[in-house]
């Protein structure tokens, strides 16, 4: 009788543990579903996510963020390490916010990148 009661307790404890572990919510990043017929480059996506993370970290480190709705005249589009504009000693990166493009001032780079011709 005692062994049967003990076995039932063990089964109930195991069932509760399994139910709890299955029902605990887990947090994941963004999930993207694509058709198998669409071309997909996982490495390009990984590199883009890494650049966006680096961009967020660079913004976090700046003491003050300057935001423009339009660029001054004479700005050049630069290509490295990501697309940004060089405007007479100031540098701005385009950013999408509420379906509009704004420009956030970024710190200057150590090396001079090549201009990107449109």
PDB file of N, CA and C in Angstrom:
ATOM      1  N   UNK A   1       0.826  -1.192   0.000  1.00  0.00           N
ATOM      2  CA  UNK A   1       0.000   0.000   0.000  1.00  0.00           C
ATOM      3  C   UNK A   1       0.873   1.261   0.000  1.00  0.00           C
ATOM      4  N   UNK A   2       1.888   1.257   0.849  1.00  0.00           N
ATOM      5  CA  UNK A   2       2.782   2.398   0.939  1.00  0.00           C
ATOM      6  C   UNK A   2       3.548   2.603  -0.366  1.00  0.00           C
ATOM      7  N   UNK A   3       4.016   1.500  -1.003  1.00  0.00           N
ATOM      8  CA  UNK A   3       4.748   1.587  -2.262  1.00  0.00           C
ATOM      9  C   UNK A   3       3.870   2.140  -3.378  1.00  0.00           C
ATOM     10  N   UNK A   4       2.606   1.757  -3.410  1.00  0.00           N
ATOM     11  CA  UNK A   4       1.687   2.234  -4.428  1.00  0.00           C
ATOM     12  C   UNK A   4       1.454   3.739  -4.272  1.00  0.00           C
ATOM     13  N   UNK A   5       1.284   4.173  -3.030  1.00  0.00           N
ATOM     14  CA  UNK A   5       1.099   5.597  -2.765  1.00  0.00           C
ATOM     15  C   UNK A   5       2.358   6.390  -3.160  1.00  0.00           C
ATOM     16  N   UNK A   6       3.505   5.843  -2.865  1.00  0.00           N
ATOM     17  CA  UNK A   6       4.786   6.489  -3.202  1.00  0.00           C
ATOM     18  C   UNK A   6       4.946   6.596  -4.722  1.00  0.00           C
ATOM     19  N   UNK A   7       4.570   5.560  -5.448  1.00  0.00           N
ATOM     20  CA  UNK A   7       4.668   5.575  -6.903  1.00  0.00           C
ATOM     21  C   UNK A   7       3.740   6.639  -7.500  1.00  0.00           C
ATOM     22  N   UNK A   8       2.546   6.770  -6.951  1.00  0.00           N
ATOM     23  CA  UNK A   8       1.606   7.774  -7.443  1.00  0.00           C
ATOM     24  C   UNK A   8       2.157   9.182  -7.208  1.00  0.00           C
ATOM     25  N   UNK A   9       2.794   9.392  -6.054  1.00  0.00           N
ATOM     26  CA  UNK A   9       3.378  10.699  -5.770  1.00  0.00           C
ATOM     27  C   UNK A   9       4.503  11.020  -6.752  1.00  0.00           C
ATOM     28  N   UNK A  10       5.321  10.030  -7.035  1.00  0.00           N
ATOM     29  CA  UNK A  10       6.433  10.233  -7.967  1.00  0.00           C
ATOM     30  C   UNK A  10       5.884  10.550  -9.365  1.00  0.00           C
ATOM     31  N   UNK A  11       4.862   9.844  -9.797  1.00  0.00           N
ATOM     32  CA  UNK A  11       4.263  10.076 -11.109  1.00  0.00           C
ATOM     33  C   UNK A  11       3.653  11.472 -11.166  1.00  0.00           C
ATOM     34  N   UNK A  12       2.967  11.896 -10.105  1.00  0.00           N
ATOM     35  CA  UNK A  12       2.368  13.231 -10.076  1.00  0.00           C
ATOM     36  C   UNK A  12       3.436  14.326 -10.103  1.00  0.00           C
ATOM     37  N   UNK A  13       4.517  14.126  -9.379  1.00  0.00           N
ATOM     38  CA  UNK A  13       5.599  15.103  -9.358  1.00  0.00           C
ATOM     39  C   UNK A  13       6.244  15.197 -10.737  1.00  0.00           C
ATOM     40  N   UNK A  14       6.479  14.063 -11.383  1.00  0.00           N
ATOM     41  CA  UNK A  14       7.068  14.063 -12.728  1.00  0.00           C
ATOM     42  C   UNK A  14       6.123  14.724 -13.727  1.00  0.00           C
ATOM     43  N   UNK A  15       4.841  14.442 -13.644  1.00  0.00           N
ATOM     44  CA  UNK A  15       3.863  15.049 -14.554  1.00  0.00           C
ATOM     45  C   UNK A  15       3.806  16.559 -14.349  1.00  0.00           C
ATOM     46  N   UNK A  16       3.855  17.013 -13.101  1.00  0.00           N
ATOM     47  CA  UNK A  16       3.842  18.443 -12.813  1.00  0.00           C
ATOM     48  C   UNK A  16       5.108  19.112 -13.350  1.00  0.00           C
ATOM     49  N   UNK A  17       6.245  18.456 -13.185  1.00  0.00           N
ATOM     50  CA  UNK A  17       7.506  19.020 -13.675  1.00  0.00           C
ATOM     51  C   UNK A  17       7.502  19.131 -15.197  1.00  0.00           C
ATOM     52  N   UNK A  18       6.998  18.125 -15.875  1.00  0.00           N
ATOM     53  CA  UNK A  18       6.936  18.158 -17.340  1.00  0.00           C
ATOM     54  C   UNK A  18       5.974  19.244 -17.793  1.00  0.00           C
ATOM     55  N   UNK A  19       4.811  19.330 -17.165  1.00  0.00           N
ATOM     56  CA  UNK A  19       3.828  20.348 -17.526  1.00  0.00           C
ATOM     57  C   UNK A  19       4.398  21.743 -17.310  1.00  0.00           C
ATOM     58  N   UNK A  20       5.087  21.959 -16.205  1.00  0.00           N
ATOM     59  CA  UNK A  20       5.668  23.259 -15.910  1.00  0.00           C
ATOM     60  C   UNK A  20       6.751  23.624 -16.924  1.00  0.00           C
ATOM     61  N   UNK A  21       7.610  22.662 -17.253  1.00  0.00           N
ATOM     62  CA  UNK A  21       8.697  22.964 -18.184  1.00  0.00           C
ATOM     63  C   UNK A  21       8.183  23.237 -19.591  1.00  0.00           C
ATOM     64  N   UNK A  22       7.075  22.645 -19.972  1.00  0.00           N
ATOM     65  CA  UNK A  22       6.509  22.879 -21.296  1.00  0.00           C
ATOM     66  C   UNK A  22       5.760  24.205 -21.334  1.00  0.00           C
ATOM     67  N   UNK A  23       5.136  24.594 -20.241  1.00  0.00           N
ATOM     68  CA  UNK A  23       4.299  25.785 -20.245  1.00  0.00           C
ATOM     69  C   UNK A  23       5.054  27.074 -19.916  1.00  0.00           C
ATOM     70  N   UNK A  24       6.323  26.994 -19.530  1.00  0.00           N
ATOM     71  CA  UNK A  24       7.096  28.190 -19.216  1.00  0.00           C
ATOM     72  C   UNK A  24       7.416  28.915 -20.522  1.00  0.00           C
ATOM     73  N   UNK A  25       7.058  30.183 -20.618  1.00  0.00           N
ATOM     74  CA  UNK A  25       7.329  30.901 -21.866  1.00  0.00           C
ATOM     75  C   UNK A  25       8.823  31.123 -22.049  1.00  0.00           C
ATOM     76  N   UNK A  26       9.258  31.042 -23.287  1.00  0.00           N
ATOM     77  CA  UNK A  26      10.654  31.316 -23.605  1.00  0.00           C
ATOM     78  C   UNK A  26      10.704  32.531 -24.515  1.00  0.00           C
ATOM     79  N   UNK A  27      11.766  33.280 -24.402  1.00  0.00           N
ATOM     80  CA  UNK A  27      11.918  34.480 -25.205  1.00  0.00           C
ATOM     81  C   UNK A  27      12.871  34.183 -26.352  1.00  0.00           C
ATOM     82  N   UNK A  28      12.486  34.585 -27.535  1.00  0.00           N
ATOM     83  CA  UNK A  28      13.321  34.399 -28.719  1.00  0.00           C
ATOM     84  C   UNK A  28      13.354  35.703 -29.496  1.00  0.00           C
ATOM     85  N   UNK A  29      14.281  35.779 -30.402  1.00  0.00           N
ATOM     86  CA  UNK A  29      14.360  36.954 -31.257  1.00  0.00           C
ATOM     87  C   UNK A  29      13.280  36.918 -32.322  1.00  0.00           C
ATOM     88  N   UNK A  30      13.419  37.781 -33.287  1.00  0.00           N
ATOM     89  CA  UNK A  30      12.450  37.879 -34.360  1.00  0.00           C
ATOM     90  C   UNK A  30      12.493  36.605 -35.204  1.00  0.00           C
ATOM     91  N   UNK A  31      11.337  36.082 -35.546  1.00  0.00           N
ATOM     92  CA  UNK A  31      11.234  34.893 -36.367  1.00  0.00           C
ATOM     93  C   UNK A  31      10.704  35.302 -37.737  1.00  0.00           C
ATOM     94  N   UNK A  32      11.427  34.912 -38.773  1.00  0.00           N
ATOM     95  CA  UNK A  32      11.032  35.247 -40.134  1.00  0.00           C
ATOM     96  C   UNK A  32      10.757  33.951 -40.879  1.00  0.00           C
ATOM     97  N   UNK A  33       9.588  33.868 -41.503  1.00  0.00           N
ATOM     98  CA  UNK A  33       9.225  32.688 -42.274  1.00  0.00           C
ATOM     99  C   UNK A  33       9.271  33.067 -43.744  1.00  0.00           C
ATOM    100  N   UNK A  34       9.959  32.262 -44.545  1.00  0.00           N
ATOM    101  CA  UNK A  34      10.091  32.522 -45.976  1.00  0.00           C
ATOM    102  C   UNK A  34       9.650  31.298 -46.765  1.00  0.00           C
ATOM    103  N   UNK A  35       9.247  31.538 -47.989  1.00  0.00           N
ATOM    104  CA  UNK A  35       8.939  30.438 -48.895  1.00  0.00           C
ATOM    105  C   UNK A  35      10.246  29.789 -49.319  1.00  0.00           C
ATOM    106  N   UNK A  36      10.218  28.499 -49.543  1.00  0.00           N
ATOM    107  CA  UNK A  36      11.437  27.805 -49.936  1.00  0.00           C
ATOM    108  C   UNK A  36      11.890  28.192 -51.331  1.00  0.00           C
ATOM    109  N   UNK A  37      11.012  28.790 -52.125  1.00  0.00           N
ATOM    110  CA  UNK A  37      11.384  29.207 -53.479  1.00  0.00           C
ATOM    111  C   UNK A  37      12.087  30.555 -53.497  1.00  0.00           C
ATOM    112  N   UNK A  38      12.036  31.323 -52.401  1.00  0.00           N
ATOM    113  CA  UNK A  38      12.700  32.618 -52.336  1.00  0.00           C
ATOM    114  C   UNK A  38      14.191  32.442 -52.057  1.00  0.00           C
ATOM    115  N   UNK A  39      15.001  33.241 -52.738  1.00  0.00           N
ATOM    116  CA  UNK A  39      16.439  33.211 -52.474  1.00  0.00           C
ATOM    117  C   UNK A  39      16.702  33.793 -51.084  1.00  0.00           C
ATOM    118  N   UNK A  40      17.646  33.198 -50.363  1.00  0.00           N
ATOM    119  CA  UNK A  40      17.900  33.624 -48.986  1.00  0.00           C
ATOM    120  C   UNK A  40      19.370  33.415 -48.670  1.00  0.00           C
ATOM    121  N   UNK A  41      20.022  34.436 -48.178  1.00  0.00           N
ATOM    122  CA  UNK A  41      21.426  34.356 -47.786  1.00  0.00           C
ATOM    123  C   UNK A  41      21.516  34.576 -46.278  1.00  0.00           C
ATOM    124  N   UNK A  42      21.646  33.499 -45.545  1.00  0.00           N
ATOM    125  CA  UNK A  42      21.673  33.573 -44.074  1.00  0.00           C
ATOM    126  C   UNK A  42      22.869  34.376 -43.578  1.00  0.00           C
ATOM    127  N   UNK A  43      23.996  34.292 -44.283  1.00  0.00           N
ATOM    128  CA  UNK A  43      25.182  35.024 -43.844  1.00  0.00           C
ATOM    129  C   UNK A  43      24.996  36.524 -44.004  1.00  0.00           C
ATOM    130  N   UNK A  44      24.304  36.941 -45.062  1.00  0.00           N
ATOM    131  CA  UNK A  44      24.031  38.371 -45.255  1.00  0.00           C
ATOM    132  C   UNK A  44      23.115  38.888 -44.151  1.00  0.00           C
ATOM    133  N   UNK A  45      22.129  38.087 -43.763  1.00  0.00           N
ATOM    134  CA  UNK A  45      21.228  38.482 -42.675  1.00  0.00           C
ATOM    135  C   UNK A  45      22.012  38.599 -41.373  1.00  0.00           C
ATOM    136  N   UNK A  46      22.886  37.631 -41.119  1.00  0.00           N
ATOM    137  CA  UNK A  46      23.705  37.670 -39.905  1.00  0.00           C
ATOM    138  C   UNK A  46      24.573  38.923 -39.877  1.00  0.00           C
ATOM    139  N   UNK A  47      25.193  39.248 -41.014  1.00  0.00           N
ATOM    140  CA  UNK A  47      26.050  40.428 -41.080  1.00  0.00           C
ATOM    141  C   UNK A  47      25.249  41.709 -40.875  1.00  0.00           C
ATOM    142  N   UNK A  48      24.039  41.765 -41.437  1.00  0.00           N
ATOM    143  CA  UNK A  48      23.192  42.946 -41.268  1.00  0.00           C
ATOM    144  C   UNK A  48      22.791  43.121 -39.805  1.00  0.00           C
ATOM    145  N   UNK A  49      22.425  42.036 -39.152  1.00  0.00           N
ATOM    146  CA  UNK A  49      22.052  42.108 -37.733  1.00  0.00           C
ATOM    147  C   UNK A  49      23.248  42.574 -36.905  1.00  0.00           C
ATOM    148  N   UNK A  50      24.421  42.084 -37.232  1.00  0.00           N
ATOM    149  CA  UNK A  50      25.624  42.503 -36.508  1.00  0.00           C
ATOM    150  C   UNK A  50      25.892  43.996 -36.703  1.00  0.00           C
ATOM    151  N   UNK A  51      25.744  44.501 -37.952  1.00  0.00           N
ATOM    152  CA  UNK A  51      25.952  45.937 -38.199  1.00  0.00           C
ATOM    153  C   UNK A  51      24.924  46.777 -37.441  1.00  0.00           C
ATOM    154  N   UNK A  52      23.669  46.325 -37.410  1.00  0.00           N
ATOM    155  CA  UNK A  52      22.640  47.072 -36.685  1.00  0.00           C
ATOM    156  C   UNK A  52      22.940  47.100 -35.191  1.00  0.00           C
ATOM    157  N   UNK A  53      23.448  45.990 -34.661  1.00  0.00           N
ATOM    158  CA  UNK A  53      23.814  45.949 -33.241  1.00  0.00           C
ATOM    159  C   UNK A  53      24.968  46.917 -32.964  1.00  0.00           C
ATOM    160  N   UNK A  54      25.970  46.910 -33.844  1.00  0.00           N
ATOM    161  CA  UNK A  54      27.096  47.825 -33.665  1.00  0.00           C
ATOM    162  C   UNK A  54      26.632  49.280 -33.726  1.00  0.00           C
ATOM    163  N   UNK A  55      25.680  49.547 -34.626  1.00  0.00           N
ATOM    164  CA  UNK A  55      25.110  50.894 -34.761  1.00  0.00           C
ATOM    165  C   UNK A  55      24.405  51.287 -33.479  1.00  0.00           C
ATOM    166  N   UNK A  56      23.604  50.410 -32.903  1.00  0.00           N
ATOM    167  CA  UNK A  56      22.902  50.712 -31.659  1.00  0.00           C
ATOM    168  C   UNK A  56      23.887  50.956 -30.523  1.00  0.00           C
ATOM    169  N   UNK A  57      24.947  50.175 -30.478  1.00  0.00           N
ATOM    170  CA  UNK A  57      25.959  50.362 -29.437  1.00  0.00           C
ATOM    171  C   UNK A  57      26.684  51.699 -29.615  1.00  0.00           C
ATOM    172  N   UNK A  58      26.982  52.080 -30.852  1.00  0.00           N
ATOM    173  CA  UNK A  58      27.648  53.362 -31.098  1.00  0.00           C
ATOM    174  C   UNK A  58      26.757  54.519 -30.665  1.00  0.00           C
ATOM    175  N   UNK A  59      25.456  54.422 -30.936  1.00  0.00           N
ATOM    176  CA  UNK A  59      24.525  55.470 -30.492  1.00  0.00           C
ATOM    177  C   UNK A  59      24.458  55.543 -28.977  1.00  0.00           C
ATOM    178  N   UNK A  60      24.474  54.385 -28.345  1.00  0.00           N
ATOM    179  CA  UNK A  60      24.383  54.345 -26.890  1.00  0.00           C
ATOM    180  C   UNK A  60      25.586  55.030 -26.241  1.00  0.00           C
ATOM    181  N   UNK A  61      26.742  54.957 -26.890  1.00  0.00           N
ATOM    182  CA  UNK A  61      27.966  55.523 -26.333  1.00  0.00           C
ATOM    183  C   UNK A  61      28.063  57.041 -26.522  1.00  0.00           C
ATOM    184  N   UNK A  62      27.318  57.602 -27.478  1.00  0.00           N
ATOM    185  CA  UNK A  62      27.387  59.041 -27.711  1.00  0.00           C
ATOM    186  C   UNK A  62      26.746  59.805 -26.558  1.00  0.00           C
ATOM    187  N   UNK A  63      27.334  60.942 -26.222  1.00  0.00           N
ATOM    188  CA  UNK A  63      26.820  61.763 -25.129  1.00  0.00           C
ATOM    189  C   UNK A  63      25.569  62.519 -25.546  1.00  0.00           C
ATOM    190  N   UNK A  64      25.549  63.000 -26.783  1.00  0.00           N
ATOM    191  CA  UNK A  64      24.422  63.777 -27.267  1.00  0.00           C
ATOM    192  C   UNK A  64      24.113  63.314 -28.684  1.00  0.00           C
ATOM    193  N   UNK A  65      22.837  63.168 -29.001  1.00  0.00           N
ATOM    194  CA  UNK A  65      22.440  62.713 -30.327  1.00  0.00           C
ATOM    195  C   UNK A  65      21.811  63.886 -31.074  1.00  0.00           C
ATOM    196  N   UNK A  66      22.381  64.221 -32.236  1.00  0.00           N
ATOM    197  CA  UNK A  66      21.839  65.269 -33.090  1.00  0.00           C
ATOM    198  C   UNK A  66      21.065  64.609 -34.230  1.00  0.00           C
ATOM    199  N   UNK A  67      19.830  65.022 -34.422  1.00  0.00           N
ATOM    200  CA  UNK A  67      18.960  64.435 -35.433  1.00  0.00           C
ATOM    201  C   UNK A  67      18.529  65.528 -36.411  1.00  0.00           C
ATOM    202  N   UNK A  68      18.646  65.229 -37.700  1.00  0.00           N
ATOM    203  CA  UNK A  68      18.224  66.153 -38.753  1.00  0.00           C
ATOM    204  C   UNK A  68      17.106  65.519 -39.571  1.00  0.00           C
ATOM    205  N   UNK A  69      16.175  66.345 -40.039  1.00  0.00           N
ATOM    206  CA  UNK A  69      15.134  65.842 -40.934  1.00  0.00           C
ATOM    207  C   UNK A  69      15.596  65.896 -42.377  1.00  0.00           C
ATOM    208  N   UNK A  70      16.559  66.758 -42.686  1.00  0.00           N
ATOM    209  CA  UNK A  70      17.141  66.808 -44.024  1.00  0.00           C
ATOM    210  C   UNK A  70      18.615  67.174 -43.891  1.00  0.00           C
ATOM    211  N   UNK A  71      19.396  66.744 -44.859  1.00  0.00           N
ATOM    212  CA  UNK A  71      20.831  66.989 -44.831  1.00  0.00           C
ATOM    213  C   UNK A  71      21.159  68.368 -45.395  1.00  0.00           C
ATOM    214  N   UNK A  72      22.272  68.972 -44.950  1.00  0.00           N
ATOM    215  CA  UNK A  72      22.713  70.226 -45.564  1.00  0.00           C
ATOM    216  C   UNK A  72      23.168  69.967 -47.012  1.00  0.00           C
ATOM    217  N   UNK A  73      23.288  71.022 -47.785  1.00  0.00           N
ATOM    218  CA  UNK A  73      23.735  70.910 -49.184  1.00  0.00           C
ATOM    219  C   UNK A  73      25.181  70.437 -49.232  1.00  0.00           C
ATOM    220  N   UNK A  74      25.512  69.683 -50.271  1.00  0.00           N
ATOM    221  CA  UNK A  74      26.899  69.284 -50.524  1.00  0.00           C
ATOM    222  C   UNK A  74      27.364  68.062 -49.765  1.00  0.00           C
ATOM    223  N   UNK A  75      26.471  67.256 -49.241  1.00  0.00           N
ATOM    224  CA  UNK A  75      26.879  66.051 -48.518  1.00  0.00           C
ATOM    225  C   UNK A  75      27.224  64.935 -49.500  1.00  0.00           C
ATOM    226  N   UNK A  76      28.223  64.129 -49.131  1.00  0.00           N
ATOM    227  CA  UNK A  76      28.633  63.001 -49.968  1.00  0.00           C
ATOM    228  C   UNK A  76      28.235  61.700 -49.284  1.00  0.00           C
ATOM    229  N   UNK A  77      27.666  60.772 -50.063  1.00  0.00           N
ATOM    230  CA  UNK A  77      27.321  59.458 -49.542  1.00  0.00           C
ATOM    231  C   UNK A  77      28.576  58.613 -49.474  1.00  0.00           C
ATOM    232  N   UNK A  78      28.868  58.043 -48.305  1.00  0.00           N
ATOM    233  CA  UNK A  78      30.058  57.212 -48.098  1.00  0.00           C
ATOM    234  C   UNK A  78      29.612  55.761 -47.894  1.00  0.00           C
ATOM    235  N   UNK A  79      30.526  54.812 -48.181  1.00  0.00           N
ATOM    236  CA  UNK A  79      30.127  53.401 -48.209  1.00  0.00           C
ATOM    237  C   UNK A  79      30.643  52.561 -47.054  1.00  0.00           C
ATOM    238  N   UNK A  80      31.649  52.978 -46.328  1.00  0.00           N
ATOM    239  CA  UNK A  80      32.211  52.071 -45.328  1.00  0.00           C
ATOM    240  C   UNK A  80      32.244  52.703 -43.961  1.00  0.00           C
ATOM    241  N   UNK A  81      32.031  52.005 -42.896  1.00  0.00           N
ATOM    242  CA  UNK A  81      31.691  50.581 -42.787  1.00  0.00           C
ATOM    243  C   UNK A  81      30.227  50.303 -43.104  1.00  0.00           C
ATOM    244  N   UNK A  82      29.432  51.345 -43.230  1.00  0.00           N
ATOM    245  CA  UNK A  82      28.033  51.252 -43.654  1.00  0.00           C
ATOM    246  C   UNK A  82      27.722  52.560 -44.369  1.00  0.00           C
ATOM    247  N   UNK A  83      26.579  52.658 -45.010  1.00  0.00           N
ATOM    248  CA  UNK A  83      26.233  53.890 -45.731  1.00  0.00           C
ATOM    249  C   UNK A  83      25.987  55.035 -44.752  1.00  0.00           C
ATOM    250  N   UNK A  84      26.648  56.163 -45.007  1.00  0.00           N
ATOM    251  CA  UNK A  84      26.442  57.378 -44.219  1.00  0.00           C
ATOM    252  C   UNK A  84      26.850  58.569 -45.071  1.00  0.00           C
ATOM    253  N   UNK A  85      26.575  59.757 -44.599  1.00  0.00           N
ATOM    254  CA  UNK A  85      26.858  60.978 -45.357  1.00  0.00           C
ATOM    255  C   UNK A  85      27.937  61.790 -44.650  1.00  0.00           C
ATOM    256  N   UNK A  86      28.847  62.340 -45.447  1.00  0.00           N
ATOM    257  CA  UNK A  86      29.876  63.246 -44.956  1.00  0.00           C
ATOM    258  C   UNK A  86      29.479  64.653 -45.386  1.00  0.00           C
ATOM    259  N   UNK A  87      29.298  65.527 -44.399  1.00  0.00           N
ATOM    260  CA  UNK A  87      28.811  66.891 -44.670  1.00  0.00           C
ATOM    261  C   UNK A  87      29.742  67.903 -44.012  1.00  0.00           C
ATOM    262  N   UNK A  88      30.811  68.278 -44.688  1.00  0.00           N
ATOM    263  CA  UNK A  88      31.708  69.321 -44.188  1.00  0.00           C
ATOM    264  C   UNK A  88      32.262  69.057 -42.804  1.00  0.00           C
ATOM    265  N   UNK A  89      32.750  67.878 -42.555  1.00  0.00           N
ATOM    266  CA  UNK A  89      33.322  67.556 -41.250  1.00  0.00           C
ATOM    267  C   UNK A  89      32.358  66.883 -40.287  1.00  0.00           C
ATOM    268  N   UNK A  90      31.066  66.910 -40.573  1.00  0.00           N
ATOM    269  CA  UNK A  90      30.077  66.174 -39.775  1.00  0.00           C
ATOM    270  C   UNK A  90      29.621  64.949 -40.552  1.00  0.00           C
ATOM    271  N   UNK A  91      29.250  63.910 -39.832  1.00  0.00           N
ATOM    272  CA  UNK A  91      28.843  62.662 -40.464  1.00  0.00           C
ATOM    273  C   UNK A  91      27.451  62.289 -39.974  1.00  0.00           C
ATOM    274  N   UNK A  92      26.594  61.848 -40.909  1.00  0.00           N
ATOM    275  CA  UNK A  92      25.208  61.507 -40.588  1.00  0.00           C
ATOM    276  C   UNK A  92      24.858  60.161 -41.186  1.00  0.00           C
ATOM    277  N   UNK A  93      24.143  59.379 -40.417  1.00  0.00           N
ATOM    278  CA  UNK A  93      23.668  58.084 -40.897  1.00  0.00           C
ATOM    279  C   UNK A  93      22.156  58.145 -41.081  1.00  0.00           C
ATOM    280  N   UNK A  94      21.652  57.655 -42.235  1.00  0.00           N
ATOM    281  CA  UNK A  94      20.197  57.643 -42.435  1.00  0.00           C
ATOM    282  C   UNK A  94      19.547  56.603 -41.526  1.00  0.00           C
ATOM    283  N   UNK A  95      18.347  56.907 -41.073  1.00  0.00           N
ATOM    284  CA  UNK A  95      17.628  56.040 -40.153  1.00  0.00           C
ATOM    285  C   UNK A  95      16.136  56.168 -40.441  1.00  0.00           C
ATOM    286  N   UNK A  96      15.436  55.058 -40.514  1.00  0.00           N
ATOM    287  CA  UNK A  96      13.997  55.072 -40.750  1.00  0.00           C
ATOM    288  C   UNK A  96      13.259  55.218 -39.415  1.00  0.00           C
ATOM    289  N   UNK A  97      12.409  56.214 -39.328  1.00  0.00           N
ATOM    290  CA  UNK A  97      11.610  56.425 -38.128  1.00  0.00           C
ATOM    291  C   UNK A  97      10.214  56.837 -38.560  1.00  0.00           C
ATOM    292  N   UNK A  98       9.238  56.047 -38.192  1.00  0.00           N
ATOM    293  CA  UNK A  98       7.831  56.287 -38.529  1.00  0.00           C
ATOM    294  C   UNK A  98       7.662  56.557 -40.024  1.00  0.00           C
ATOM    295  N   UNK A  99       8.235  55.682 -40.826  1.00  0.00           N
ATOM    296  CA  UNK A  99       8.149  55.727 -42.292  1.00  0.00           C
ATOM    297  C   UNK A  99       8.761  56.989 -42.902  1.00  0.00           C
ATOM    298  N   UNK A 100       9.624  57.650 -42.196  1.00  0.00           N
ATOM    299  CA  UNK A 100      10.345  58.805 -42.718  1.00  0.00           C
ATOM    300  C   UNK A 100      11.834  58.610 -42.479  1.00  0.00           C
ATOM    301  N   UNK A 101      12.641  59.110 -43.410  1.00  0.00           N
ATOM    302  CA  UNK A 101      14.077  59.014 -43.241  1.00  0.00           C
ATOM    303  C   UNK A 101      14.582  60.249 -42.506  1.00  0.00           C
ATOM    304  N   UNK A 102      15.274  60.013 -41.408  1.00  0.00           N
ATOM    305  CA  UNK A 102      15.925  61.084 -40.656  1.00  0.00           C
ATOM    306  C   UNK A 102      17.416  60.789 -40.652  1.00  0.00           C
ATOM    307  N   UNK A 103      18.214  61.718 -40.191  1.00  0.00           N
ATOM    308  CA  UNK A 103      19.662  61.573 -40.206  1.00  0.00           C
ATOM    309  C   UNK A 103      20.196  61.827 -38.806  1.00  0.00           C
ATOM    310  N   UNK A 104      20.961  60.874 -38.307  1.00  0.00           N
ATOM    311  CA  UNK A 104      21.519  60.970 -36.964  1.00  0.00           C
ATOM    312  C   UNK A 104      23.011  61.199 -37.078  1.00  0.00           C
ATOM    313  N   UNK A 105      23.499  62.209 -36.371  1.00  0.00           N
ATOM    314  CA  UNK A 105      24.930  62.515 -36.427  1.00  0.00           C
ATOM    315  C   UNK A 105      25.710  61.412 -35.729  1.00  0.00           C
ATOM    316  N   UNK A 106      26.792  60.996 -36.384  1.00  0.00           N
ATOM    317  CA  UNK A 106      27.650  59.947 -35.836  1.00  0.00           C
ATOM    318  C   UNK A 106      29.051  60.492 -35.642  1.00  0.00           C
ATOM    319  N   UNK A 107      29.849  59.795 -34.867  1.00  0.00           N
ATOM    320  CA  UNK A 107      31.235  60.196 -34.639  1.00  0.00           C
ATOM    321  C   UNK A 107      32.061  59.961 -35.898  1.00  0.00           C
ATOM    322  N   UNK A 108      33.110  60.765 -36.116  1.00  0.00           N
ATOM    323  CA  UNK A 108      33.964  60.562 -37.296  1.00  0.00           C
ATOM    324  C   UNK A 108      34.728  59.246 -37.193  1.00  0.00           C
ATOM    325  N   UNK A 109      35.129  58.729 -38.353  1.00  0.00           N
ATOM    326  CA  UNK A 109      35.872  57.474 -38.412  1.00  0.00           C
ATOM    327  C   UNK A 109      37.360  57.764 -38.436  1.00  0.00           C
ATOM    328  N   UNK A 110      38.173  56.788 -38.016  1.00  0.00           N
ATOM    329  CA  UNK A 110      39.622  56.938 -38.013  1.00  0.00           C
ATOM    330  C   UNK A 110      40.190  56.933 -39.426  1.00  0.00           C
ATOM    331  N   UNK A 111      39.701  56.008 -40.276  1.00  0.00           N
ATOM    332  CA  UNK A 111      40.211  55.921 -41.646  1.00  0.00           C
ATOM    333  C   UNK A 111      39.222  56.570 -42.599  1.00  0.00           C
ATOM    334  N   UNK A 112      39.715  57.052 -43.700  1.00  0.00           N
ATOM    335  CA  UNK A 112      38.878  57.752 -44.688  1.00  0.00           C
ATOM    336  C   UNK A 112      38.282  56.725 -45.636  1.00  0.00           C
ATOM    337  N   UNK A 113      36.969  56.508 -45.634  1.00  0.00           N
ATOM    338  CA  UNK A 113      36.352  55.557 -46.538  1.00  0.00           C
ATOM    339  C   UNK A 113      36.185  56.145 -47.941  1.00  0.00           C
ATOM    340  N   UNK A 114      35.889  55.278 -48.889  1.00  0.00           N
ATOM    341  CA  UNK A 114      35.681  55.708 -50.260  1.00  0.00           C
ATOM    342  C   UNK A 114      34.256  56.213 -50.447  1.00  0.00           C
ATOM    343  N   UNK A 115      34.078  57.295 -51.241  1.00  0.00           N
ATOM    344  CA  UNK A 115      32.718  57.763 -51.489  1.00  0.00           C
ATOM    345  C   UNK A 115      31.957  56.759 -52.358  1.00  0.00           C
ATOM    346  N   UNK A 116      30.653  56.675 -52.143  1.00  0.00           N
ATOM    347  CA  UNK A 116      29.793  55.774 -52.895  1.00  0.00           C
ATOM    348  C   UNK A 116      29.070  56.599 -53.954  1.00  0.00           C
ATOM    349  N   UNK A 117      29.287  56.283 -55.199  1.00  0.00           N
ATOM    350  CA  UNK A 117      28.648  57.017 -56.286  1.00  0.00           C
ATOM    351  C   UNK A 117      27.285  56.420 -56.566  1.00  0.00           C
ATOM    352  N   UNK A 118      26.267  57.275 -56.637  1.00  0.00           N
ATOM    353  CA  UNK A 118      24.906  56.803 -56.934  1.00  0.00           C
ATOM    354  C   UNK A 118      24.688  56.785 -58.417  1.00  0.00           C
TER     355      UNK A 118
END
